[in-house]
């Protein structure tokens, strides 16, 4: 049985002041009730009820009879109710039968549903990172492999220079990839650090000796060693609009895709310095095409067209990674993103 990761549902997202939502916040074809299925995500369920799925926290009604109403499980019933004349969504916990017996039994409990499809972003959470020139220049680097080998892989020994004297033994091995450049200013926002493997220091020194513990491609001299993330994989995302207006562009799409669609991971030229946080939802607008007006004898830029929404799941200083959750039309790099 494939176990989906447990995710807390929008903990602590209640508004400081009540906000009134009209019925037009709901889809015209919304159901009155819905039974949660195993492969659902919170975004999927929200889209069944709401025109804007990220409004879910603002219309969620806590059921005091449920021990943890912030978690939704397969079998739960989502219902549309009215509280003081205002539409609200609530959950009725599905009944679970437990059969008792006098012997010890080990069972896998049904996990809570995730907010977004974790399979789409899990490869990027701990292994994808953005570093600047200074970090790359100062990081430990591979000098050579054992036995005059040009390439190394899992189980091989490597010789590393510039190791820190702090006793650290576990490192990720990364390779400097192409720079992320802001199309508006030309500024280099950082470099993608392509993950190629993991290493563990066997003997400190200059050079020191390390053992490659895992690899997903060949490991070469000049590859860098960086600290492995100390935080566990982040599994809680709180979809919401940014507090301040944000405008930016898509500057890259991961995994070599040319046209962008649902569940593709994109890179934006906005990050922590611009007020973005993980969980922020942005609308995507297809950049207007330039066409020649032969009558007026001039070039005209067509209006931008709304193309979908994305959710930010990893934020760096000057850029961020987002997952496209809804694609109403094809998207491309240099398309605009802004607060919904």
C-alpha atoms as a PDB file:
ATOM      1  CA  UNK A   1       0.000   0.000   0.000  1.00  0.00           C
ATOM      2  CA  UNK A   2       1.418   3.340  -1.016  1.00  0.00           C
ATOM      3  CA  UNK A   3       1.418   5.645   2.016  1.00  0.00           C
ATOM      4  CA  UNK A   4       0.843   9.318   1.330  1.00  0.00           C
ATOM      5  CA  UNK A   5       2.633  11.862   3.460  1.00  0.00           C
ATOM      6  CA  UNK A   6       0.799  13.390   6.408  1.00  0.00           C
ATOM      7  CA  UNK A   7       0.133  17.081   5.986  1.00  0.00           C
ATOM      8  CA  UNK A   8      -1.413  19.485   8.438  1.00  0.00           C
ATOM      9  CA  UNK A   9      -4.269  21.463   6.943  1.00  0.00           C
ATOM     10  CA  UNK A  10      -3.840  25.222   7.121  1.00  0.00           C
ATOM     11  CA  UNK A  11      -3.006  25.358  10.829  1.00  0.00           C
ATOM     12  CA  UNK A  12      -3.304  28.845  12.281  1.00  0.00           C
ATOM     13  CA  UNK A  13      -4.695  30.512   9.189  1.00  0.00           C
ATOM     14  CA  UNK A  14      -7.814  31.999  10.724  1.00  0.00           C
ATOM     15  CA  UNK A  15      -8.454  35.633   9.967  1.00  0.00           C
ATOM     16  CA  UNK A  16      -8.172  38.256  12.665  1.00  0.00           C
ATOM     17  CA  UNK A  17     -11.485  39.795  11.600  1.00  0.00           C
ATOM     18  CA  UNK A  18     -14.495  38.048  10.072  1.00  0.00           C
ATOM     19  CA  UNK A  19     -14.790  38.237   6.306  1.00  0.00           C
ATOM     20  CA  UNK A  20     -18.147  37.807   4.620  1.00  0.00           C
ATOM     21  CA  UNK A  21     -18.223  35.652   1.502  1.00  0.00           C
ATOM     22  CA  UNK A  22     -21.134  35.682  -0.880  1.00  0.00           C
ATOM     23  CA  UNK A  23     -22.435  32.575  -2.568  1.00  0.00           C
ATOM     24  CA  UNK A  24     -20.661  33.632  -5.764  1.00  0.00           C
ATOM     25  CA  UNK A  25     -17.361  32.589  -4.124  1.00  0.00           C
ATOM     26  CA  UNK A  26     -18.610  29.063  -4.816  1.00  0.00           C
ATOM     27  CA  UNK A  27     -18.724  27.360  -8.182  1.00  0.00           C
ATOM     28  CA  UNK A  28     -22.129  27.224  -9.854  1.00  0.00           C
ATOM     29  CA  UNK A  29     -21.868  23.436 -10.036  1.00  0.00           C
ATOM     30  CA  UNK A  30     -20.530  22.889  -6.502  1.00  0.00           C
ATOM     31  CA  UNK A  31     -21.813  19.823  -4.625  1.00  0.00           C
ATOM     32  CA  UNK A  32     -23.623  20.062  -1.306  1.00  0.00           C
ATOM     33  CA  UNK A  33     -21.454  17.264   0.057  1.00  0.00           C
ATOM     34  CA  UNK A  34     -18.369  15.346  -0.986  1.00  0.00           C
ATOM     35  CA  UNK A  35     -16.775  12.163   0.391  1.00  0.00           C
ATOM     36  CA  UNK A  36     -12.977  12.437   0.510  1.00  0.00           C
ATOM     37  CA  UNK A  37     -11.147   9.807  -1.569  1.00  0.00           C
ATOM     38  CA  UNK A  38      -7.687   8.342  -0.938  1.00  0.00           C
ATOM     39  CA  UNK A  39      -5.942  10.074  -3.844  1.00  0.00           C
ATOM     40  CA  UNK A  40      -7.531  13.486  -3.303  1.00  0.00           C
ATOM     41  CA  UNK A  41      -5.588  16.610  -2.422  1.00  0.00           C
ATOM     42  CA  UNK A  42      -6.985  19.584  -0.584  1.00  0.00           C
ATOM     43  CA  UNK A  43      -6.586  21.719  -3.708  1.00  0.00           C
ATOM     44  CA  UNK A  44      -8.681  19.212  -5.696  1.00  0.00           C
ATOM     45  CA  UNK A  45     -11.460  19.290  -3.117  1.00  0.00           C
ATOM     46  CA  UNK A  46     -11.351  23.080  -2.895  1.00  0.00           C
ATOM     47  CA  UNK A  47     -11.767  23.316  -6.664  1.00  0.00           C
ATOM     48  CA  UNK A  48     -14.955  21.262  -6.430  1.00  0.00           C
ATOM     49  CA  UNK A  49     -16.516  23.939  -4.236  1.00  0.00           C
ATOM     50  CA  UNK A  50     -14.728  27.247  -4.841  1.00  0.00           C
ATOM     51  CA  UNK A  51     -13.920  29.498  -7.764  1.00  0.00           C
ATOM     52  CA  UNK A  52     -10.632  30.343  -5.990  1.00  0.00           C
ATOM     53  CA  UNK A  53      -9.294  27.290  -4.102  1.00  0.00           C
ATOM     54  CA  UNK A  54      -6.894  29.338  -1.952  1.00  0.00           C
ATOM     55  CA  UNK A  55      -9.892  30.955  -0.200  1.00  0.00           C
ATOM     56  CA  UNK A  56     -10.503  27.659   1.623  1.00  0.00           C
ATOM     57  CA  UNK A  57      -9.036  28.819   4.996  1.00  0.00           C
ATOM     58  CA  UNK A  58     -11.315  31.848   5.056  1.00  0.00           C
ATOM     59  CA  UNK A  59     -14.539  29.880   4.718  1.00  0.00           C
ATOM     60  CA  UNK A  60     -13.503  26.830   6.752  1.00  0.00           C
ATOM     61  CA  UNK A  61     -15.709  26.203   9.781  1.00  0.00           C
ATOM     62  CA  UNK A  62     -14.107  24.345  12.673  1.00  0.00           C
ATOM     63  CA  UNK A  63     -16.161  21.476  14.040  1.00  0.00           C
ATOM     64  CA  UNK A  64     -15.678  21.459  17.848  1.00  0.00           C
ATOM     65  CA  UNK A  65     -16.667  17.786  18.021  1.00  0.00           C
ATOM     66  CA  UNK A  66     -13.634  16.694  15.992  1.00  0.00           C
ATOM     67  CA  UNK A  67     -10.331  16.320  17.837  1.00  0.00           C
ATOM     68  CA  UNK A  68      -8.240  17.796  15.015  1.00  0.00           C
ATOM     69  CA  UNK A  69     -10.422  19.516  12.408  1.00  0.00           C
ATOM     70  CA  UNK A  70      -7.353  20.737  10.510  1.00  0.00           C
ATOM     71  CA  UNK A  71      -6.721  17.263   9.122  1.00  0.00           C
ATOM     72  CA  UNK A  72      -8.924  15.688   6.452  1.00  0.00           C
ATOM     73  CA  UNK A  73      -8.937  11.950   5.876  1.00  0.00           C
ATOM     74  CA  UNK A  74     -10.328   9.639   3.183  1.00  0.00           C
ATOM     75  CA  UNK A  75     -13.927   8.831   4.090  1.00  0.00           C
ATOM     76  CA  UNK A  76     -14.607  12.231   5.661  1.00  0.00           C
ATOM     77  CA  UNK A  77     -17.622  14.139   4.395  1.00  0.00           C
ATOM     78  CA  UNK A  78     -17.158  17.777   3.334  1.00  0.00           C
ATOM     79  CA  UNK A  79     -20.437  19.708   3.533  1.00  0.00           C
ATOM     80  CA  UNK A  80     -21.590  23.178   2.605  1.00  0.00           C
ATOM     81  CA  UNK A  81     -23.461  24.752   5.534  1.00  0.00           C
ATOM     82  CA  UNK A  82     -24.596  28.233   6.516  1.00  0.00           C
ATOM     83  CA  UNK A  83     -23.409  29.780   9.789  1.00  0.00           C
ATOM     84  CA  UNK A  84     -25.175  33.027  10.737  1.00  0.00           C
ATOM     85  CA  UNK A  85     -26.304  33.301   7.132  1.00  0.00           C
ATOM     86  CA  UNK A  86     -22.773  32.951   5.706  1.00  0.00           C
ATOM     87  CA  UNK A  87     -21.641  29.950   3.607  1.00  0.00           C
ATOM     88  CA  UNK A  88     -19.080  27.724   5.289  1.00  0.00           C
ATOM     89  CA  UNK A  89     -17.440  24.382   4.575  1.00  0.00           C
ATOM     90  CA  UNK A  90     -17.211  21.840   7.356  1.00  0.00           C
ATOM     91  CA  UNK A  91     -16.125  18.245   7.788  1.00  0.00           C
ATOM     92  CA  UNK A  92     -17.936  15.302   9.314  1.00  0.00           C
ATOM     93  CA  UNK A  93     -15.404  12.709  10.378  1.00  0.00           C
ATOM     94  CA  UNK A  94     -16.016   9.366   8.702  1.00  0.00           C
ATOM     95  CA  UNK A  95     -16.759   6.515  11.080  1.00  0.00           C
ATOM     96  CA  UNK A  96     -13.904   4.059  11.502  1.00  0.00           C
ATOM     97  CA  UNK A  97     -14.498   0.576  12.871  1.00  0.00           C
ATOM     98  CA  UNK A  98     -11.745  -0.943  14.994  1.00  0.00           C
ATOM     99  CA  UNK A  99     -11.886  -4.687  15.634  1.00  0.00           C
ATOM    100  CA  UNK A 100     -10.374  -5.659  18.984  1.00  0.00           C
ATOM    101  CA  UNK A 101      -8.615  -8.947  19.615  1.00  0.00           C
ATOM    102  CA  UNK A 102      -6.439 -10.306  22.439  1.00  0.00           C
ATOM    103  CA  UNK A 103      -3.266 -10.281  20.324  1.00  0.00           C
ATOM    104  CA  UNK A 104      -0.959  -7.506  19.141  1.00  0.00           C
ATOM    105  CA  UNK A 105      -1.809  -6.292  15.638  1.00  0.00           C
ATOM    106  CA  UNK A 106       0.158  -3.839  13.533  1.00  0.00           C
ATOM    107  CA  UNK A 107      -1.871  -1.752  11.048  1.00  0.00           C
ATOM    108  CA  UNK A 108      -1.109   1.120   8.670  1.00  0.00           C
ATOM    109  CA  UNK A 109      -3.411   4.023   9.488  1.00  0.00           C
ATOM    110  CA  UNK A 110      -4.938   5.982   6.618  1.00  0.00           C
ATOM    111  CA  UNK A 111      -2.955   9.244   6.468  1.00  0.00           C
ATOM    112  CA  UNK A 112      -4.487  12.686   6.090  1.00  0.00           C
ATOM    113  CA  UNK A 113      -4.726  13.993   2.535  1.00  0.00           C
ATOM    114  CA  UNK A 114      -2.020  16.342   1.304  1.00  0.00           C
ATOM    115  CA  UNK A 115      -2.604  19.934   0.266  1.00  0.00           C
ATOM    116  CA  UNK A 116      -0.950  19.466  -3.125  1.00  0.00           C
ATOM    117  CA  UNK A 117       0.430  16.372  -4.922  1.00  0.00           C
ATOM    118  CA  UNK A 118       3.685  15.795  -3.036  1.00  0.00           C
ATOM    119  CA  UNK A 119       5.006  13.478  -5.742  1.00  0.00           C
ATOM    120  CA  UNK A 120       5.319  16.488  -8.045  1.00  0.00           C
ATOM    121  CA  UNK A 121       7.619  18.466  -5.750  1.00  0.00           C
ATOM    122  CA  UNK A 122       9.341  15.914  -3.489  1.00  0.00           C
ATOM    123  CA  UNK A 123      12.470  15.687  -5.729  1.00  0.00           C
ATOM    124  CA  UNK A 124      12.971  19.445  -5.330  1.00  0.00           C
ATOM    125  CA  UNK A 125      12.405  19.849  -1.595  1.00  0.00           C
ATOM    126  CA  UNK A 126      15.697  18.660  -0.133  1.00  0.00           C
ATOM    127  CA  UNK A 127      17.943  18.392  -3.171  1.00  0.00           C
ATOM    128  CA  UNK A 128      17.273  21.466  -5.305  1.00  0.00           C
ATOM    129  CA  UNK A 129      18.871  24.657  -4.171  1.00  0.00           C
ATOM    130  CA  UNK A 130      20.113  27.972  -5.474  1.00  0.00           C
ATOM    131  CA  UNK A 131      23.575  29.242  -4.518  1.00  0.00           C
ATOM    132  CA  UNK A 132      25.514  32.378  -5.387  1.00  0.00           C
ATOM    133  CA  UNK A 133      29.064  32.685  -6.710  1.00  0.00           C
ATOM    134  CA  UNK A 134      30.522  33.315  -3.260  1.00  0.00           C
ATOM    135  CA  UNK A 135      29.133  30.057  -1.860  1.00  0.00           C
ATOM    136  CA  UNK A 136      30.364  28.025  -4.818  1.00  0.00           C
ATOM    137  CA  UNK A 137      33.816  29.645  -4.669  1.00  0.00           C
ATOM    138  CA  UNK A 138      34.252  28.878  -0.954  1.00  0.00           C
ATOM    139  CA  UNK A 139      32.710  25.367  -0.899  1.00  0.00           C
ATOM    140  CA  UNK A 140      34.825  22.193  -0.556  1.00  0.00           C
ATOM    141  CA  UNK A 141      35.556  20.665  -3.956  1.00  0.00           C
ATOM    142  CA  UNK A 142      36.506  17.278  -5.362  1.00  0.00           C
ATOM    143  CA  UNK A 143      40.147  17.112  -6.417  1.00  0.00           C
ATOM    144  CA  UNK A 144      40.248  13.588  -7.811  1.00  0.00           C
ATOM    145  CA  UNK A 145      38.863  10.072  -7.560  1.00  0.00           C
ATOM    146  CA  UNK A 146      40.636   6.943  -6.433  1.00  0.00           C
ATOM    147  CA  UNK A 147      42.858   4.895  -8.758  1.00  0.00           C
ATOM    148  CA  UNK A 148      43.093   7.750 -11.285  1.00  0.00           C
ATOM    149  CA  UNK A 149      39.401   7.429 -12.153  1.00  0.00           C
ATOM    150  CA  UNK A 150      37.918  10.423 -13.915  1.00  0.00           C
ATOM    151  CA  UNK A 151      34.400   9.725 -12.657  1.00  0.00           C
ATOM    152  CA  UNK A 152      33.103   8.420  -9.338  1.00  0.00           C
ATOM    153  CA  UNK A 153      29.871   6.759  -8.271  1.00  0.00           C
ATOM    154  CA  UNK A 154      28.334   5.105  -5.229  1.00  0.00           C
ATOM    155  CA  UNK A 155      30.892   3.278  -3.113  1.00  0.00           C
ATOM    156  CA  UNK A 156      33.919   5.053  -4.594  1.00  0.00           C
ATOM    157  CA  UNK A 157      36.416   7.119  -2.638  1.00  0.00           C
ATOM    158  CA  UNK A 158      37.068  10.746  -3.568  1.00  0.00           C
ATOM    159  CA  UNK A 159      39.662  13.272  -2.416  1.00  0.00           C
ATOM    160  CA  UNK A 160      38.337  16.632  -1.276  1.00  0.00           C
ATOM    161  CA  UNK A 161      40.010  19.959  -0.559  1.00  0.00           C
ATOM    162  CA  UNK A 162      38.887  22.859   1.592  1.00  0.00           C
ATOM    163  CA  UNK A 163      36.969  20.733   4.112  1.00  0.00           C
ATOM    164  CA  UNK A 164      35.763  22.670   7.185  1.00  0.00           C
ATOM    165  CA  UNK A 165      37.270  21.895  10.589  1.00  0.00           C
ATOM    166  CA  UNK A 166      33.914  21.619  12.350  1.00  0.00           C
ATOM    167  CA  UNK A 167      33.718  17.834  12.349  1.00  0.00           C
ATOM    168  CA  UNK A 168      30.930  17.722   9.774  1.00  0.00           C
ATOM    169  CA  UNK A 169      30.879  14.418   7.907  1.00  0.00           C
ATOM    170  CA  UNK A 170      27.743  14.333   5.721  1.00  0.00           C
ATOM    171  CA  UNK A 171      27.630  16.444   2.557  1.00  0.00           C
ATOM    172  CA  UNK A 172      25.596  16.721  -0.614  1.00  0.00           C
ATOM    173  CA  UNK A 173      27.545  16.816  -3.873  1.00  0.00           C
ATOM    174  CA  UNK A 174      26.358  19.466  -6.351  1.00  0.00           C
ATOM    175  CA  UNK A 175      27.422  20.838  -9.711  1.00  0.00           C
ATOM    176  CA  UNK A 176      27.195  24.464 -10.731  1.00  0.00           C
ATOM    177  CA  UNK A 177      24.615  24.830 -13.495  1.00  0.00           C
ATOM    178  CA  UNK A 178      23.521  27.778 -15.624  1.00  0.00           C
ATOM    179  CA  UNK A 179      22.726  31.058 -13.891  1.00  0.00           C
ATOM    180  CA  UNK A 180      19.220  32.302 -13.243  1.00  0.00           C
ATOM    181  CA  UNK A 181      19.105  35.798 -14.735  1.00  0.00           C
ATOM    182  CA  UNK A 182      16.444  38.433 -14.178  1.00  0.00           C
ATOM    183  CA  UNK A 183      15.059  39.272 -17.643  1.00  0.00           C
ATOM    184  CA  UNK A 184      14.139  42.780 -16.495  1.00  0.00           C
ATOM    185  CA  UNK A 185      17.459  43.875 -14.958  1.00  0.00           C
ATOM    186  CA  UNK A 186      20.005  41.356 -16.262  1.00  0.00           C
ATOM    187  CA  UNK A 187      21.050  40.609 -12.660  1.00  0.00           C
ATOM    188  CA  UNK A 188      22.266  37.083 -11.902  1.00  0.00           C
ATOM    189  CA  UNK A 189      19.881  35.918  -9.175  1.00  0.00           C
ATOM    190  CA  UNK A 190      21.813  32.739  -8.391  1.00  0.00           C
ATOM    191  CA  UNK A 191      22.987  29.459  -9.835  1.00  0.00           C
ATOM    192  CA  UNK A 192      21.152  26.172  -9.786  1.00  0.00           C
ATOM    193  CA  UNK A 193      23.133  23.670  -7.731  1.00  0.00           C
ATOM    194  CA  UNK A 194      22.399  20.409  -9.537  1.00  0.00           C
ATOM    195  CA  UNK A 195      22.355  17.521  -7.086  1.00  0.00           C
ATOM    196  CA  UNK A 196      24.600  14.639  -8.169  1.00  0.00           C
ATOM    197  CA  UNK A 197      25.040  12.602  -4.990  1.00  0.00           C
ATOM    198  CA  UNK A 198      25.961  12.361  -1.298  1.00  0.00           C
ATOM    199  CA  UNK A 199      29.266  11.794   0.422  1.00  0.00           C
ATOM    200  CA  UNK A 200      30.518  11.017   3.913  1.00  0.00           C
ATOM    201  CA  UNK A 201      33.937  12.118   5.141  1.00  0.00           C
ATOM    202  CA  UNK A 202      36.180   9.204   6.061  1.00  0.00           C
ATOM    203  CA  UNK A 203      39.277  11.181   6.981  1.00  0.00           C
ATOM    204  CA  UNK A 204      39.699  14.923   7.420  1.00  0.00           C
ATOM    205  CA  UNK A 205      42.744  16.621   5.949  1.00  0.00           C
ATOM    206  CA  UNK A 206      43.892  18.644   2.963  1.00  0.00           C
ATOM    207  CA  UNK A 207      43.017  16.798   0.903  1.00  0.00           C
ATOM    208  CA  UNK A 208      40.585  14.711   2.915  1.00  0.00           C
ATOM    209  CA  UNK A 209      39.022  11.419   1.920  1.00  0.00           C
ATOM    210  CA  UNK A 210      35.292  10.877   1.437  1.00  0.00           C
ATOM    211  CA  UNK A 211      33.113   7.957   0.396  1.00  0.00           C
ATOM    212  CA  UNK A 212      30.309   8.459  -2.129  1.00  0.00           C
ATOM    213  CA  UNK A 213      27.195   7.080  -0.407  1.00  0.00           C
ATOM    214  CA  UNK A 214      24.730   7.735  -3.247  1.00  0.00           C
ATOM    215  CA  UNK A 215      24.734   9.174  -6.745  1.00  0.00           C
ATOM    216  CA  UNK A 216      22.255   9.840  -9.522  1.00  0.00           C
ATOM    217  CA  UNK A 217      24.854  10.661 -12.187  1.00  0.00           C
ATOM    218  CA  UNK A 218      28.627  10.621 -12.619  1.00  0.00           C
ATOM    219  CA  UNK A 219      30.588  12.611 -10.025  1.00  0.00           C
ATOM    220  CA  UNK A 220      33.471  14.663 -11.410  1.00  0.00           C
ATOM    221  CA  UNK A 221      36.454  16.687 -10.190  1.00  0.00           C
ATOM    222  CA  UNK A 222      35.469  20.302  -9.408  1.00  0.00           C
ATOM    223  CA  UNK A 223      32.033  19.236  -8.128  1.00  0.00           C
ATOM    224  CA  UNK A 224      31.251  20.970  -4.835  1.00  0.00           C
ATOM    225  CA  UNK A 225      30.301  19.617  -1.418  1.00  0.00           C
ATOM    226  CA  UNK A 226      27.616  21.540   0.456  1.00  0.00           C
ATOM    227  CA  UNK A 227      25.933  21.013   3.780  1.00  0.00           C
ATOM    228  CA  UNK A 228      22.971  18.662   3.693  1.00  0.00           C
ATOM    229  CA  UNK A 229      19.701  20.296   4.792  1.00  0.00           C
ATOM    230  CA  UNK A 230      19.198  20.039   8.547  1.00  0.00           C
ATOM    231  CA  UNK A 231      15.445  20.570   8.323  1.00  0.00           C
ATOM    232  CA  UNK A 232      13.176  17.665   7.368  1.00  0.00           C
ATOM    233  CA  UNK A 233      11.213  17.769   4.124  1.00  0.00           C
ATOM    234  CA  UNK A 234       8.579  20.442   4.496  1.00  0.00           C
ATOM    235  CA  UNK A 235       5.150  18.856   4.240  1.00  0.00           C
ATOM    236  CA  UNK A 236       2.837  21.654   5.383  1.00  0.00           C
ATOM    237  CA  UNK A 237       1.796  24.255   2.828  1.00  0.00           C
ATOM    238  CA  UNK A 238      -0.715  26.988   3.579  1.00  0.00           C
ATOM    239  CA  UNK A 239      -2.127  28.303   0.276  1.00  0.00           C
ATOM    240  CA  UNK A 240      -2.957  31.992   0.478  1.00  0.00           C
ATOM    241  CA  UNK A 241      -2.513  35.197  -1.478  1.00  0.00           C
ATOM    242  CA  UNK A 242       0.610  37.286  -0.671  1.00  0.00           C
ATOM    243  CA  UNK A 243       0.105  40.059   1.877  1.00  0.00           C
ATOM    244  CA  UNK A 244       1.573  42.606  -0.538  1.00  0.00           C
ATOM    245  CA  UNK A 245       1.154  42.920  -4.283  1.00  0.00           C
ATOM    246  CA  UNK A 246       3.731  40.831  -6.156  1.00  0.00           C
ATOM    247  CA  UNK A 247       4.580  40.926  -9.849  1.00  0.00           C
ATOM    248  CA  UNK A 248       7.228  38.867 -11.592  1.00  0.00           C
ATOM    249  CA  UNK A 249       7.935  36.515 -14.472  1.00  0.00           C
ATOM    250  CA  UNK A 250       8.627  32.823 -15.020  1.00  0.00           C
ATOM    251  CA  UNK A 251      12.325  32.581 -15.864  1.00  0.00           C
ATOM    252  CA  UNK A 252      12.733  28.816 -16.158  1.00  0.00           C
ATOM    253  CA  UNK A 253      10.871  25.509 -16.096  1.00  0.00           C
ATOM    254  CA  UNK A 254      12.438  22.447 -14.519  1.00  0.00           C
ATOM    255  CA  UNK A 255      13.026  19.002 -16.040  1.00  0.00           C
ATOM    256  CA  UNK A 256      13.690  20.333 -19.540  1.00  0.00           C
ATOM    257  CA  UNK A 257      10.054  21.036 -20.411  1.00  0.00           C
ATOM    258  CA  UNK A 258       9.426  23.700 -23.060  1.00  0.00           C
ATOM    259  CA  UNK A 259       5.702  24.368 -22.631  1.00  0.00           C
ATOM    260  CA  UNK A 260       4.381  24.596 -19.092  1.00  0.00           C
ATOM    261  CA  UNK A 261       1.301  22.731 -17.877  1.00  0.00           C
ATOM    262  CA  UNK A 262      -0.314  21.446 -14.697  1.00  0.00           C
ATOM    263  CA  UNK A 263       2.103  20.098 -12.050  1.00  0.00           C
ATOM    264  CA  UNK A 264       5.183  21.482 -13.779  1.00  0.00           C
ATOM    265  CA  UNK A 265       7.750  23.177 -11.533  1.00  0.00           C
ATOM    266  CA  UNK A 266       8.764  26.696 -12.573  1.00  0.00           C
ATOM    267  CA  UNK A 267      11.321  29.242 -11.373  1.00  0.00           C
ATOM    268  CA  UNK A 268      10.244  32.833 -10.669  1.00  0.00           C
ATOM    269  CA  UNK A 269      12.382  35.971 -10.438  1.00  0.00           C
ATOM    270  CA  UNK A 270      10.831  36.854  -7.070  1.00  0.00           C
ATOM    271  CA  UNK A 271      11.764  35.510  -3.636  1.00  0.00           C
ATOM    272  CA  UNK A 272      12.114  36.380   0.058  1.00  0.00           C
ATOM    273  CA  UNK A 273      13.378  39.878  -0.743  1.00  0.00           C
ATOM    274  CA  UNK A 274      10.070  40.523  -2.521  1.00  0.00           C
ATOM    275  CA  UNK A 275       7.856  39.234   0.288  1.00  0.00           C
ATOM    276  CA  UNK A 276       7.187  35.753  -1.089  1.00  0.00           C
ATOM    277  CA  UNK A 277       6.736  32.787   1.244  1.00  0.00           C
ATOM    278  CA  UNK A 278       6.022  29.129   0.635  1.00  0.00           C
ATOM    279  CA  UNK A 279       2.279  28.625   0.245  1.00  0.00           C
ATOM    280  CA  UNK A 280       1.695  31.907  -1.582  1.00  0.00           C
ATOM    281  CA  UNK A 281      -0.572  31.528  -4.606  1.00  0.00           C
ATOM    282  CA  UNK A 282       0.060  33.580  -7.759  1.00  0.00           C
ATOM    283  CA  UNK A 283      -1.904  33.925 -10.969  1.00  0.00           C
ATOM    284  CA  UNK A 284      -0.122  33.343 -14.276  1.00  0.00           C
ATOM    285  CA  UNK A 285      -0.778  35.564 -17.286  1.00  0.00           C
ATOM    286  CA  UNK A 286       0.305  34.614 -20.781  1.00  0.00           C
ATOM    287  CA  UNK A 287       2.530  37.345 -22.180  1.00  0.00           C
ATOM    288  CA  UNK A 288       0.841  39.314 -24.949  1.00  0.00           C
ATOM    289  CA  UNK A 289       2.140  38.597 -28.438  1.00  0.00           C
ATOM    290  CA  UNK A 290       3.548  41.370 -30.579  1.00  0.00           C
ATOM    291  CA  UNK A 291       1.928  41.654 -34.028  1.00  0.00           C
ATOM    292  CA  UNK A 292       2.344  44.048 -36.885  1.00  0.00           C
ATOM    293  CA  UNK A 293      -0.544  46.415 -37.612  1.00  0.00           C
ATOM    294  CA  UNK A 294      -0.145  47.091 -41.337  1.00  0.00           C
ATOM    295  CA  UNK A 295      -2.885  49.704 -41.372  1.00  0.00           C
ATOM    296  CA  UNK A 296      -1.403  51.830 -38.585  1.00  0.00           C
ATOM    297  CA  UNK A 297       2.105  50.780 -39.650  1.00  0.00           C
ATOM    298  CA  UNK A 298       3.180  49.944 -36.109  1.00  0.00           C
ATOM    299  CA  UNK A 299       3.827  46.962 -33.819  1.00  0.00           C
ATOM    300  CA  UNK A 300       1.112  46.283 -31.241  1.00  0.00           C
ATOM    301  CA  UNK A 301       1.351  44.132 -28.102  1.00  0.00           C
ATOM    302  CA  UNK A 302      -1.815  42.114 -27.473  1.00  0.00           C
ATOM    303  CA  UNK A 303      -3.334  42.044 -23.954  1.00  0.00           C
ATOM    304  CA  UNK A 304      -2.138  39.470 -21.440  1.00  0.00           C
ATOM    305  CA  UNK A 305      -4.401  36.464 -21.023  1.00  0.00           C
ATOM    306  CA  UNK A 306      -4.986  34.678 -17.718  1.00  0.00           C
ATOM    307  CA  UNK A 307      -3.387  31.227 -17.979  1.00  0.00           C
ATOM    308  CA  UNK A 308      -3.673  29.602 -14.520  1.00  0.00           C
ATOM    309  CA  UNK A 309      -2.405  29.548 -10.940  1.00  0.00           C
ATOM    310  CA  UNK A 310       0.675  28.276  -9.157  1.00  0.00           C
ATOM    311  CA  UNK A 311       1.673  27.757  -5.541  1.00  0.00           C
ATOM    312  CA  UNK A 312       5.100  28.666  -4.166  1.00  0.00           C
ATOM    313  CA  UNK A 313       6.709  25.723  -2.355  1.00  0.00           C
ATOM    314  CA  UNK A 314      10.362  26.757  -1.974  1.00  0.00           C
ATOM    315  CA  UNK A 315      11.724  30.281  -1.576  1.00  0.00           C
ATOM    316  CA  UNK A 316      15.250  31.636  -1.920  1.00  0.00           C
ATOM    317  CA  UNK A 317      16.484  35.195  -1.473  1.00  0.00           C
ATOM    318  CA  UNK A 318      15.797  36.482  -4.983  1.00  0.00           C
ATOM    319  CA  UNK A 319      13.846  33.693  -6.662  1.00  0.00           C
ATOM    320  CA  UNK A 320      11.474  30.852  -5.857  1.00  0.00           C
ATOM    321  CA  UNK A 321      10.126  27.529  -7.101  1.00  0.00           C
ATOM    322  CA  UNK A 322       6.414  27.175  -7.829  1.00  0.00           C
ATOM    323  CA  UNK A 323       4.103  24.302  -8.787  1.00  0.00           C
ATOM    324  CA  UNK A 324       1.498  24.995 -11.463  1.00  0.00           C
ATOM    325  CA  UNK A 325      -1.831  23.899  -9.968  1.00  0.00           C
ATOM    326  CA  UNK A 326      -4.202  25.033 -12.712  1.00  0.00           C
ATOM    327  CA  UNK A 327      -3.415  25.552 -16.404  1.00  0.00           C
ATOM    328  CA  UNK A 328      -6.188  27.134 -18.458  1.00  0.00           C
ATOM    329  CA  UNK A 329      -3.907  27.549 -21.482  1.00  0.00           C
ATOM    330  CA  UNK A 330      -0.299  26.858 -22.440  1.00  0.00           C
ATOM    331  CA  UNK A 331       2.316  28.795 -20.480  1.00  0.00           C
ATOM    332  CA  UNK A 332       5.898  29.665 -21.361  1.00  0.00           C
ATOM    333  CA  UNK A 333       8.936  31.291 -19.823  1.00  0.00           C
ATOM    334  CA  UNK A 334       8.630  35.087 -19.521  1.00  0.00           C
ATOM    335  CA  UNK A 335       4.910  34.795 -18.783  1.00  0.00           C
ATOM    336  CA  UNK A 336       3.835  37.132 -15.985  1.00  0.00           C
ATOM    337  CA  UNK A 337       2.885  36.152 -12.426  1.00  0.00           C
ATOM    338  CA  UNK A 338       1.070  38.374  -9.951  1.00  0.00           C
ATOM    339  CA  UNK A 339      -1.010  38.294  -6.791  1.00  0.00           C
ATOM    340  CA  UNK A 340      -4.447  36.765  -7.459  1.00  0.00           C
END
